[in-house]
Amino acid sequence: MVDGEKKDVLENEFELIKKAVNDDQAFEILYNYYFPKIYGYLFKRTGNREVAEDLMSETFLKVFSNLKKFSQKEGYFKAWIYRIATNKLIDHYRKSGKRKDLDLEKFENVLESEEKSPEEKFIVLENQEMVNIILRKMPKRYSEILYFKFFAEMDGGEISEILKISINNVRVLTFRALKNFNKIYDKQKK
């Protein structure tokens, strides 16, 4: 662990990874553990269930076909999977030409919730949309750092592995990204 940061890994993960090369049940454990994390990341980045599902399939197909190449020397398995997912996301945006606006599909859970009043639902939706608008206006590197930090709930070590930068650089970029976010947010409120 770096600076007391928590690690979100499976118990005996590396042994499980080695087994998963030839054992479908071991791979299923990895898949079931990482699916909600990676899907959530892809869905928040695309705002579209079908696209996120397609990218998810491509990501895990690549994970499965390259599992025997993964070694602990490369770092955390989680970072490796997110790197693959991020590359699939980049490929998707390159093929589609540009980033599309997010749709209302991402708000289904809030709208279906019976625990919140209509006013509370509206405020949640409004805030989520505001965050997405701001993230789309930010430089790509800043929004990427914030997605990894807050939506994928990664620590500095994992982000540094994915982006191939130092942990100190992650901290500096996170600070700058949050400052940029606040600046844009203040302008949006006016």
Protein backbone atom coordinates (compact mmCIF):
# COMPACT_ATOMS: atom_id res chain seq x y z
CA MET A 1 0.00 0.00 0.00
CA VAL A 2 1.09 3.52 -0.74
CA ASP A 3 0.67 6.17 1.94
CA GLY A 4 -1.96 4.10 3.74
CA GLU A 5 -4.28 3.99 0.70
CA LYS A 6 -6.71 1.08 0.59
CA LYS A 7 -6.41 -1.67 -1.98
CA ASP A 8 -9.52 -3.09 -3.56
CA VAL A 9 -8.39 -6.57 -4.52
CA LEU A 10 -9.63 -10.11 -4.16
CA GLU A 11 -8.03 -12.31 -1.55
CA ASN A 12 -5.32 -14.46 -3.20
CA GLU A 13 -5.98 -12.62 -6.44
CA PHE A 14 -2.72 -13.50 -8.16
CA GLU A 15 -3.22 -17.24 -7.55
CA LEU A 16 -6.76 -16.89 -8.85
CA ILE A 17 -5.46 -15.18 -11.98
CA LYS A 18 -3.00 -18.00 -12.63
CA LYS A 19 -5.79 -20.56 -12.19
CA ALA A 20 -8.15 -18.59 -14.44
CA VAL A 21 -5.90 -19.18 -17.45
CA ASN A 22 -7.19 -22.78 -17.58
CA ASP A 23 -10.10 -22.79 -15.14
CA ASP A 24 -13.40 -21.20 -16.19
CA GLN A 25 -14.69 -21.10 -12.60
CA ALA A 26 -11.66 -19.08 -11.48
CA PHE A 27 -12.17 -16.68 -14.39
CA GLU A 28 -15.85 -16.41 -13.45
CA ILE A 29 -14.84 -15.26 -9.94
CA LEU A 30 -12.64 -12.54 -11.44
CA TYR A 31 -15.36 -11.58 -13.92
CA ASN A 32 -18.07 -11.37 -11.25
CA TYR A 33 -15.83 -9.30 -9.00
CA TYR A 34 -14.68 -6.79 -11.64
CA PHE A 35 -17.81 -6.65 -13.80
CA PRO A 36 -19.73 -4.06 -11.73
CA LYS A 37 -16.65 -1.86 -11.33
CA ILE A 38 -15.65 -1.85 -15.00
CA TYR A 39 -19.24 -1.64 -16.26
CA GLY A 40 -19.92 1.31 -13.95
CA TYR A 41 -16.82 3.06 -15.21
CA LEU A 42 -17.72 2.48 -18.87
CA PHE A 43 -21.37 3.43 -18.35
CA LYS A 44 -20.45 6.67 -16.61
CA ARG A 45 -18.03 7.51 -19.42
CA THR A 46 -20.45 6.70 -22.26
CA GLY A 47 -23.86 7.31 -20.68
CA ASN A 48 -25.28 4.52 -22.82
CA ARG A 49 -26.11 1.03 -21.61
CA GLU A 50 -25.66 -0.71 -24.98
CA VAL A 51 -22.31 0.92 -25.69
CA ALA A 52 -21.09 0.16 -22.16
CA GLU A 53 -22.18 -3.48 -22.54
CA ASP A 54 -20.39 -3.78 -25.90
CA LEU A 55 -17.21 -2.23 -24.49
CA MET A 56 -17.53 -4.49 -21.46
CA SER A 57 -17.67 -7.57 -23.68
CA GLU A 58 -14.66 -6.40 -25.68
CA THR A 59 -12.75 -5.64 -22.48
CA PHE A 60 -13.30 -9.04 -20.91
CA LEU A 61 -12.66 -10.84 -24.18
CA LYS A 62 -9.27 -9.16 -24.30
CA VAL A 63 -8.67 -9.89 -20.59
CA PHE A 64 -9.52 -13.55 -21.13
CA SER A 65 -7.39 -13.94 -24.25
CA ASN A 66 -4.38 -12.19 -22.67
CA LEU A 67 -4.67 -13.52 -19.13
CA LYS A 68 -1.65 -15.79 -19.48
CA LYS A 69 0.46 -12.74 -20.40
CA PHE A 70 -0.40 -10.88 -17.19
CA SER A 71 2.29 -10.99 -14.54
CA GLN A 72 2.43 -9.51 -11.08
CA LYS A 73 5.44 -7.47 -12.24
CA GLU A 74 3.04 -5.38 -14.33
CA GLY A 75 1.32 -4.22 -11.16
CA TYR A 76 -2.25 -4.53 -10.02
CA PHE A 77 -4.69 -6.65 -11.97
CA LYS A 78 -7.36 -4.01 -11.41
CA ALA A 79 -5.19 -1.38 -13.08
CA TRP A 80 -4.52 -3.76 -15.98
CA ILE A 81 -8.25 -4.31 -16.57
CA TYR A 82 -9.02 -0.58 -16.35
CA ARG A 83 -6.22 0.12 -18.82
CA ILE A 84 -7.81 -2.34 -21.26
CA ALA A 85 -11.28 -0.81 -20.69
CA THR A 86 -9.90 2.70 -21.18
CA ASN A 87 -8.22 1.67 -24.43
CA LYS A 88 -11.50 0.13 -25.64
CA LEU A 89 -13.26 3.38 -24.73
CA ILE A 90 -10.68 5.43 -26.65
CA ASP A 91 -11.07 3.13 -29.67
CA HIS A 92 -14.85 3.55 -29.46
CA TYR A 93 -14.61 7.35 -29.49
CA ARG A 94 -12.13 7.30 -32.35
CA LYS A 95 -14.45 5.09 -34.42
CA SER A 96 -17.56 7.11 -33.58
CA GLY A 97 -15.83 10.36 -34.49
CA LYS A 98 -16.62 12.33 -31.38
CA ARG A 99 -18.01 12.01 -27.94
CA LYS A 100 -21.79 11.91 -27.85
CA ASP A 101 -23.93 13.67 -25.27
CA LEU A 102 -25.03 11.50 -22.40
CA ASP A 103 -28.64 10.33 -22.42
CA LEU A 104 -31.23 10.01 -19.68
CA GLU A 105 -30.70 6.25 -19.42
CA LYS A 106 -28.07 6.85 -16.74
CA PHE A 107 -30.73 8.25 -14.44
CA GLU A 108 -33.03 5.20 -14.39
CA ASN A 109 -32.09 4.13 -10.88
CA VAL A 110 -32.84 7.55 -9.46
CA LEU A 111 -36.18 7.81 -11.24
CA GLU A 112 -37.27 4.30 -10.19
CA SER A 113 -36.35 4.88 -6.54
CA GLU A 114 -39.42 5.01 -4.33
CA GLU A 115 -37.45 6.33 -1.36
CA LYS A 116 -37.06 9.81 -2.79
CA SER A 117 -39.71 12.45 -3.35
CA PRO A 118 -40.10 13.89 -6.88
CA GLU A 119 -38.30 17.05 -5.73
CA GLU A 120 -35.35 15.04 -4.38
CA LYS A 121 -35.18 13.01 -7.60
CA PHE A 122 -35.10 16.21 -9.65
CA ILE A 123 -32.26 17.65 -7.55
CA VAL A 124 -30.21 14.43 -7.87
CA LEU A 125 -30.75 14.35 -11.65
CA GLU A 126 -29.91 18.03 -11.99
CA ASN A 127 -26.69 17.60 -9.99
CA GLN A 128 -25.65 14.50 -11.95
CA GLU A 129 -26.25 16.26 -15.24
CA MET A 130 -24.28 19.30 -14.02
CA VAL A 131 -21.33 17.07 -13.07
CA ASN A 132 -21.39 15.40 -16.50
CA ILE A 133 -21.57 18.74 -18.29
CA ILE A 134 -18.60 20.03 -16.32
CA LEU A 135 -16.56 16.85 -16.91
CA ARG A 136 -17.18 17.14 -20.67
CA LYS A 137 -15.91 20.76 -20.61
CA MET A 138 -12.69 19.87 -18.76
CA PRO A 139 -9.43 18.91 -20.45
CA LYS A 140 -9.45 15.16 -21.16
CA ARG A 141 -6.59 14.40 -18.75
CA TYR A 142 -8.38 16.13 -15.86
CA SER A 143 -11.74 14.46 -16.45
CA GLU A 144 -9.98 11.10 -16.79
CA ILE A 145 -8.27 11.52 -13.40
CA LEU A 146 -11.58 12.46 -11.76
CA TYR A 147 -13.40 9.52 -13.34
CA PHE A 148 -10.77 7.10 -12.03
CA LYS A 149 -10.62 8.71 -8.59
CA PHE A 150 -14.30 9.24 -7.87
CA PHE A 151 -16.33 7.00 -10.18
CA ALA A 152 -13.99 4.01 -10.35
CA GLU A 153 -12.86 4.68 -6.76
CA MET A 154 -9.20 4.02 -7.53
CA ASP A 155 -6.30 5.08 -5.38
CA GLY A 156 -3.25 6.98 -6.57
CA GLY A 157 -1.18 3.85 -7.18
CA GLU A 158 -3.80 2.28 -9.42
CA ILE A 159 -4.31 5.50 -11.38
CA SER A 160 -0.55 5.91 -11.83
CA GLU A 161 -0.34 2.39 -13.28
CA ILE A 162 -3.17 2.95 -15.74
CA LEU A 163 -1.95 6.35 -16.91
CA LYS A 164 1.74 5.41 -16.68
CA ILE A 165 2.61 8.44 -14.55
CA SER A 166 4.07 8.82 -11.05
CA ILE A 167 1.88 8.87 -7.95
CA ASN A 168 3.03 12.43 -7.27
CA ASN A 169 1.92 13.40 -10.77
CA VAL A 170 -1.48 11.78 -10.05
CA ARG A 171 -1.80 13.90 -6.91
CA VAL A 172 -0.85 17.08 -8.76
CA LEU A 173 -3.23 16.33 -11.64
CA THR A 174 -6.04 15.49 -9.20
CA PHE A 175 -5.52 18.79 -7.40
CA ARG A 176 -5.49 20.71 -10.69
CA ALA A 177 -8.51 18.78 -11.99
CA LEU A 178 -10.54 19.57 -8.88
CA LYS A 179 -9.52 23.21 -9.10
CA ASN A 180 -10.56 23.26 -12.78
CA PHE A 181 -13.84 21.50 -11.91
CA ASN A 182 -14.65 24.11 -9.26
CA LYS A 183 -13.82 26.95 -11.66
CA ILE A 184 -16.17 25.58 -14.33
CA TYR A 185 -18.82 24.78 -11.72
CA ASP A 186 -18.77 28.37 -10.45
CA LYS A 187 -19.22 29.66 -14.01
CA GLN A 188 -22.11 27.24 -14.63
CA LYS A 189 -23.96 28.41 -11.49
CA LYS A 190 -23.99 32.04 -12.66
